[in-house]
Amino acid sequence: MPTLLERLRSFANPATPRPTLTVVETDTNFYTGTSTAADLFRDRLDYDRLTILAEALRAWRTNPIARWIVQLTNVFILGTGMEWECTNKRSSKFLKEFWEHPLNQLALQLPKWLDEQTRSGDLFLLFSVDAAGMSYVRAVPSERIKEIQSKENDYQQETFFIQDDLNASPWPAYNPAEPQTTFMLHFPINQPVGCQFGESDLSPLLPWIGRLSTIVSDRVTLNHVRSMISFVMQGKFMDPASKQKRQREIELHPPKQGSVLVTDETEVWSVLSAKLDSSDAKEDILAVKKMIAVGVGVPLHYLAEPESSTRTTAEAAGTPTFKRFDDRQRQFKHTVLTILQIALAVRRHTDKSLPAAPEIVINAGDITERDNSLLSLAAARVEPALADLYDRKLIEEPEYLRIFYRMIGELLDEEKIPTSGLRKDINKPTGTGQIADQPTPEDQEPQEDTPE
């Protein structure tokens, strides 16, 4: 690299060719993110992170709101489960053995993995590989990971996972370049830039879930105190001794609930109850529930709070929720895809007949059934217009298919497009005297349901 004096001389004398600045890329000047995650101090301290993990697990175990938030994520993302498809037969056969192995049973493991990822913000999967190349997967609690070591020039390239037990050996990260008998994969969510650990979905909700529990508990306590009553008896007594005698008689035989108390005109009975000035807690509970709903990203009627009874309002409130869960579903589908791809890559170390990168597709249920009706309605409305343009040779077949597939929300595989389609003869009259491209009454588009 030229010195500062040489550079100044080149600027002073334009006839002299300026030296070329060359920089050799090394680990000291290649910063994908930062040199180390510790340089940013953005990750939570160990005590803070472990405290949140413990509180999130405790809330999930004891609080119905926290339990339902985690279950709600599972219901939308997994639904009836996830399935996979592989075009290569040998790879598909091995993946089925891996998926259904008695020590794996991934169909049963996925709900627990998703719950753990939602509660802790991280999903640590430990792979154990036998001599035949079969992988066995176990989820490791986030509390057991004390530190994540990564390459010096990139905090996202994880190398080792340090356990909380100082005497235990660290778990290495997956390395595709060499065979491994044990390695770990890490799938975080809600991960801030510069942080190695993710954040729990329950983390910002814990204070508000606690406040809601306190309000409801206080309300129950007040109602219990209000229901406690005492009897007061007023009468005329000749002296204090007769008064005490009558009091002992009542204490020995107190009035029972539903009994008939017979007295004379000398005794007047009344009931003394607590008069607690407790205002209606409905608005307070609703305000706290709104904070929880905002934190989760769901409308209030998902939290047993029918804020509005109109169908239109409920559907409009659900749109952001569906988009959020759809994004989370794509993340989890990528997690499942990565697991299958790595299981195949590990198997190839012992079975070279497997292809290097077979096509694997992960299928999951729809986030909401409402999308199916809307997409079918859009397809029914756009198809006649597209067919008319195609029959009149105003658009070609690829454009016809591209727009139609877009309306039904599917991806068009251009390799599967037929060479040519069939066009109607729009000038050919039909037997009824109608033009061929005019729709009959039974071909009319379906009517959209009117909101209630």
Foldseek 3Di string as FASTA:
>chain_A
DDDPVLQVVCVVDVVDDHDDDDDDDDLVPQAPAAQALVVVVPADALVVLVVQLVLLVVCCVPPPLSVLLLVVLLCLQFPVHKDKDFPDPVLVVVLVCLCCPPQAVPRVVVSVQSSQCQSRQKWKWKWAADPLLRIGIDTDHPNQFRDWDAHRRYHVHTAWTHGPDPPDDIAGADDLVDADRMHMDMAGPCADRSDDHGHHLCRVVSVLSVVLVVVVVVVVVVVVQQPDKDKDKAFDDPDVVVVVVVVVVCVVPPDDPPDDDDDDPRIDMDMGGDDDPDDDCPVVSVVSLVVVCVSSQADSVSVVDCPDDFPVVNVVSCVRVLVVSVVVSVSVQVVVVVVSLVSQSSSCVNPVVDDNDTDMDMDHDHSDPVLQVQLVLQLLVCLLVLLVCVLVVVDADVVSVVVNCVSNPHDDDPVPRDPHDDHDDQPDADPVRDGPSDDDPVSDRDDDDDTD
